[in-house]
């Protein structure tokens, strides 16, 4: 999937990425996705799951997500199940 984003007058193409849930703690309300491309693990918060309509997620679940940045940190948004 492809998204076209206009950020600060700079056009940027952002692609959905795929990965596997490496860790998730419902108590702590966060987790990490291991990207299929071998890049660094990506943080996600429970709020992103809720925005995507996901109520429950398990370790090793295959997902698709949109990477976003805040400062130098990368996190996952628009998380969707694969399979």
Protein backbone atom coordinates (compact mmCIF):
# COMPACT_ATOMS: atom_id res chain seq x y z
CA UNK A 1 0.00 0.00 0.00
CA UNK A 2 1.25 3.50 -0.78
CA UNK A 3 0.49 6.80 0.93
CA UNK A 4 1.27 10.30 -0.27
CA UNK A 5 1.96 12.69 2.58
CA UNK A 6 2.55 16.44 2.40
CA UNK A 7 4.75 17.37 5.37
CA UNK A 8 6.12 20.88 5.85
CA UNK A 9 5.88 21.61 2.12
CA UNK A 10 7.92 18.48 1.34
CA UNK A 11 6.25 15.66 -0.53
CA UNK A 12 7.17 12.28 0.82
CA UNK A 13 6.08 8.79 -0.21
CA UNK A 14 5.55 6.41 2.68
CA UNK A 15 5.06 2.67 2.20
CA UNK A 16 3.31 0.28 4.55
CA UNK A 17 5.78 -2.15 6.12
CA UNK A 18 5.30 -5.69 7.33
CA UNK A 19 6.58 -7.44 10.39
CA UNK A 20 5.84 -9.71 13.33
CA UNK A 21 4.84 -8.70 16.86
CA UNK A 22 7.96 -9.44 18.89
CA UNK A 23 6.59 -8.34 22.26
CA UNK A 24 3.38 -6.88 23.67
CA UNK A 25 2.36 -6.18 27.26
CA UNK A 26 -1.31 -5.38 27.86
CA UNK A 27 -0.37 -4.26 31.39
CA UNK A 28 2.25 -1.79 30.13
CA UNK A 29 0.18 -0.95 27.02
CA UNK A 30 3.07 -1.08 24.53
CA UNK A 31 4.97 -3.49 22.33
CA UNK A 32 7.48 -3.91 19.53
CA UNK A 33 7.26 -5.12 15.95
CA UNK A 34 10.20 -6.90 14.29
CA UNK A 35 10.18 -5.61 10.68
CA UNK A 36 10.46 -8.16 7.86
CA UNK A 37 13.21 -6.07 6.23
CA UNK A 38 15.55 -6.66 9.18
CA UNK A 39 15.59 -3.04 10.32
CA UNK A 40 15.46 -1.99 13.98
CA UNK A 41 12.42 -3.06 16.04
CA UNK A 42 9.52 -0.59 15.93
CA UNK A 43 7.66 0.59 19.03
CA UNK A 44 3.85 0.70 19.18
CA UNK A 45 1.42 1.86 21.86
CA UNK A 46 -1.99 0.43 22.72
CA UNK A 47 -3.60 3.67 21.45
CA UNK A 48 -2.44 2.82 17.90
CA UNK A 49 -4.09 -0.59 18.19
CA UNK A 50 -7.35 1.00 19.33
CA UNK A 51 -7.25 3.53 16.46
CA UNK A 52 -6.92 0.59 14.06
CA UNK A 53 -9.82 -1.27 15.68
CA UNK A 54 -7.59 -3.98 17.15
CA UNK A 55 -8.69 -5.12 20.59
CA UNK A 56 -6.17 -7.91 21.11
CA UNK A 57 -2.77 -8.72 19.62
CA UNK A 58 -0.47 -11.66 20.22
CA UNK A 59 3.26 -12.32 20.03
CA UNK A 60 4.25 -13.62 16.55
CA UNK A 61 1.14 -12.05 14.94
CA UNK A 62 1.93 -10.93 11.40
CA UNK A 63 1.07 -7.26 10.88
CA UNK A 64 1.29 -4.41 8.41
CA UNK A 65 1.94 -0.89 9.70
CA UNK A 66 2.76 2.63 8.67
CA UNK A 67 6.06 3.86 10.14
CA UNK A 68 6.07 7.34 11.68
CA UNK A 69 8.71 9.35 13.48
CA UNK A 70 8.79 11.56 16.53
CA UNK A 71 12.20 13.14 16.82
CA UNK A 72 14.62 10.30 16.14
CA UNK A 73 12.21 7.57 17.34
CA UNK A 74 10.28 5.41 14.89
CA UNK A 75 6.87 4.03 15.89
CA UNK A 76 4.08 2.10 14.21
CA UNK A 77 0.70 3.55 13.24
CA UNK A 78 -2.23 2.18 11.20
CA UNK A 79 -1.51 -1.36 12.39
CA UNK A 80 -3.43 -4.12 10.59
CA UNK A 81 -3.43 -7.91 10.90
CA UNK A 82 -2.08 -10.03 8.05
CA UNK A 83 -3.56 -13.56 7.69
